Amino acid sequence: MRVSSQPSPSSAPVGRTLRASGWQTVVHNDPVNLMSYVEWVFMAYFRLPQRRAHRLMLDVHNNGRAVVSKGQREQMEADVQAMHGFGLWATIEEVP
């Protein structure tokens, strides 16, 4: 049996992009965390560029919420737990 060094399509990792479907992580506004801290969390955890993290932080601040990731339910649950670990209010929602 020959083993391929390249992963098959079924074993490729699933990314957490905003184009994925199924479930989404939503971060909500709160009166506790500074805007700069929220932006930093988005950059640190989601590895977002500063401009994208800033736009999402402004969505949270101005609109009361922002969708920060989409994908499979298990990963969205992990993202919500991580946001809670950073002290942010986050929920998981099914994508309509």
C-alpha atoms as a PDB file:
ATOM      1  CA  MET A   1       0.000   0.000   0.000  1.00  0.00           C
ATOM      2  CA  ARG A   2       1.344   3.380  -0.995  1.00  0.00           C
ATOM      3  CA  VAL A   3       0.852   6.357   1.321  1.00  0.00           C
ATOM      4  CA  SER A   4       0.448   9.770  -0.231  1.00  0.00           C
ATOM      5  CA  SER A   5       2.172  12.719   1.420  1.00  0.00           C
ATOM      6  CA  GLN A   6      -0.594  15.048   0.262  1.00  0.00           C
ATOM      7  CA  PRO A   7      -3.824  15.201   2.240  1.00  0.00           C
ATOM      8  CA  SER A   8      -6.970  14.023   0.556  1.00  0.00           C
ATOM      9  CA  PRO A   9      -9.800  16.550   0.180  1.00  0.00           C
ATOM     10  CA  SER A  10     -11.742  14.873   2.997  1.00  0.00           C
ATOM     11  CA  SER A  11      -8.828  15.220   5.435  1.00  0.00           C
ATOM     12  CA  ALA A  12      -8.058  18.851   4.637  1.00  0.00           C
ATOM     13  CA  PRO A  13      -8.625  21.221   7.546  1.00  0.00           C
ATOM     14  CA  VAL A  14     -11.779  23.291   7.473  1.00  0.00           C
ATOM     15  CA  GLY A  15     -11.043  27.003   7.795  1.00  0.00           C
ATOM     16  CA  ARG A  16     -13.026  29.499   9.812  1.00  0.00           C
ATOM     17  CA  THR A  17     -13.864  31.998   7.139  1.00  0.00           C
ATOM     18  CA  LEU A  18     -16.837  34.276   6.857  1.00  0.00           C
ATOM     19  CA  ARG A  19     -17.752  32.428   3.643  1.00  0.00           C
ATOM     20  CA  ALA A  20     -18.450  29.133   5.387  1.00  0.00           C
ATOM     21  CA  SER A  21     -22.032  28.252   6.241  1.00  0.00           C
ATOM     22  CA  GLY A  22     -23.952  26.518   8.976  1.00  0.00           C
ATOM     23  CA  TRP A  23     -23.224  28.367  12.223  1.00  0.00           C
ATOM     24  CA  GLN A  24     -21.803  31.718  13.221  1.00  0.00           C
ATOM     25  CA  THR A  25     -20.162  33.284  16.248  1.00  0.00           C
ATOM     26  CA  VAL A  26     -21.590  36.651  17.227  1.00  0.00           C
ATOM     27  CA  VAL A  27     -19.833  39.047  19.608  1.00  0.00           C
ATOM     28  CA  HIS A  28     -22.158  41.477  21.391  1.00  0.00           C
ATOM     29  CA  ASN A  29     -21.534  44.940  22.758  1.00  0.00           C
ATOM     30  CA  ASP A  30     -21.037  45.331  26.489  1.00  0.00           C
ATOM     31  CA  PRO A  31     -20.390  48.299  28.775  1.00  0.00           C
ATOM     32  CA  VAL A  32     -17.216  46.794  30.246  1.00  0.00           C
ATOM     33  CA  ASN A  33     -14.581  46.152  27.572  1.00  0.00           C
ATOM     34  CA  LEU A  34     -12.667  48.905  25.832  1.00  0.00           C
ATOM     35  CA  MET A  35     -12.913  49.102  22.058  1.00  0.00           C
ATOM     36  CA  SER A  36      -9.138  48.713  21.762  1.00  0.00           C
ATOM     37  CA  TYR A  37      -9.282  45.505  23.806  1.00  0.00           C
ATOM     38  CA  VAL A  38     -12.051  44.030  21.628  1.00  0.00           C
ATOM     39  CA  GLU A  39     -10.008  44.869  18.539  1.00  0.00           C
ATOM     40  CA  TRP A  40      -6.943  43.221  20.079  1.00  0.00           C
ATOM     41  CA  VAL A  41      -8.926  40.056  20.909  1.00  0.00           C
ATOM     42  CA  PHE A  42     -10.083  39.792  17.296  1.00  0.00           C
ATOM     43  CA  MET A  43      -6.520  40.200  16.054  1.00  0.00           C
ATOM     44  CA  ALA A  44      -5.035  37.792  18.606  1.00  0.00           C
ATOM     45  CA  TYR A  45      -7.597  34.982  18.524  1.00  0.00           C
ATOM     46  CA  PHE A  46      -8.880  35.100  14.943  1.00  0.00           C
ATOM     47  CA  ARG A  47      -5.548  36.350  13.536  1.00  0.00           C
ATOM     48  CA  LEU A  48      -7.316  39.120  11.681  1.00  0.00           C
ATOM     49  CA  PRO A  49      -5.482  42.044  10.128  1.00  0.00           C
ATOM     50  CA  GLN A  50      -5.790  45.231  12.157  1.00  0.00           C
ATOM     51  CA  ARG A  51      -8.141  46.919   9.655  1.00  0.00           C
ATOM     52  CA  ARG A  52     -10.589  43.981   9.629  1.00  0.00           C
ATOM     53  CA  ALA A  53     -10.478  43.667  13.421  1.00  0.00           C
ATOM     54  CA  HIS A  54     -11.129  47.401  13.712  1.00  0.00           C
ATOM     55  CA  ARG A  55     -14.156  47.221  11.386  1.00  0.00           C
ATOM     56  CA  LEU A  56     -15.614  44.302  13.348  1.00  0.00           C
ATOM     57  CA  MET A  57     -15.026  46.121  16.628  1.00  0.00           C
ATOM     58  CA  LEU A  58     -16.882  49.149  15.235  1.00  0.00           C
ATOM     59  CA  ASP A  59     -19.774  46.868  14.209  1.00  0.00           C
ATOM     60  CA  VAL A  60     -19.929  45.587  17.776  1.00  0.00           C
ATOM     61  CA  HIS A  61     -19.804  49.130  19.148  1.00  0.00           C
ATOM     62  CA  ASN A  62     -22.192  50.815  16.707  1.00  0.00           C
ATOM     63  CA  ASN A  63     -24.605  47.978  15.865  1.00  0.00           C
ATOM     64  CA  GLY A  64     -24.463  46.073  19.131  1.00  0.00           C
ATOM     65  CA  ARG A  65     -23.077  42.923  17.505  1.00  0.00           C
ATOM     66  CA  ALA A  66     -20.785  41.529  14.824  1.00  0.00           C
ATOM     67  CA  VAL A  67     -20.425  38.126  13.188  1.00  0.00           C
ATOM     68  CA  VAL A  68     -16.773  37.223  13.711  1.00  0.00           C
ATOM     69  CA  SER A  69     -16.653  33.659  12.357  1.00  0.00           C
ATOM     70  CA  LYS A  70     -18.744  31.117  10.479  1.00  0.00           C
ATOM     71  CA  GLY A  71     -18.334  27.398  10.078  1.00  0.00           C
ATOM     72  CA  GLN A  72     -19.104  24.087  11.687  1.00  0.00           C
ATOM     73  CA  ARG A  73     -20.965  24.122  15.001  1.00  0.00           C
ATOM     74  CA  GLU A  74     -18.139  22.555  17.013  1.00  0.00           C
ATOM     75  CA  GLN A  75     -15.680  25.245  15.956  1.00  0.00           C
ATOM     76  CA  MET A  76     -18.192  28.018  16.616  1.00  0.00           C
ATOM     77  CA  GLU A  77     -18.732  26.617  20.116  1.00  0.00           C
ATOM     78  CA  ALA A  78     -14.962  26.738  20.645  1.00  0.00           C
ATOM     79  CA  ASP A  79     -14.866  30.332  19.374  1.00  0.00           C
ATOM     80  CA  VAL A  80     -17.668  31.353  21.755  1.00  0.00           C
ATOM     81  CA  GLN A  81     -15.870  29.733  24.683  1.00  0.00           C
ATOM     82  CA  ALA A  82     -12.676  31.540  23.707  1.00  0.00           C
ATOM     83  CA  MET A  83     -14.502  34.887  23.571  1.00  0.00           C
ATOM     84  CA  HIS A  84     -15.936  34.183  27.028  1.00  0.00           C
ATOM     85  CA  GLY A  85     -12.393  33.427  28.191  1.00  0.00           C
ATOM     86  CA  PHE A  86     -11.381  36.899  27.009  1.00  0.00           C
ATOM     87  CA  GLY A  87     -14.333  38.393  28.882  1.00  0.00           C
ATOM     88  CA  LEU A  88     -16.425  39.166  25.794  1.00  0.00           C
ATOM     89  CA  TRP A  89     -20.110  38.376  25.436  1.00  0.00           C
ATOM     90  CA  ALA A  90     -20.565  35.991  22.489  1.00  0.00           C
ATOM     91  CA  THR A  91     -23.221  33.619  21.233  1.00  0.00           C
ATOM     92  CA  ILE A  92     -23.607  31.008  18.517  1.00  0.00           C
ATOM     93  CA  GLU A  93     -26.365  31.242  15.932  1.00  0.00           C
ATOM     94  CA  GLU A  94     -27.474  29.090  13.038  1.00  0.00           C
ATOM     95  CA  VAL A  95     -26.941  30.882   9.733  1.00  0.00           C
ATOM     96  CA  PRO A  96     -30.379  31.619   8.232  1.00  0.00           C
END
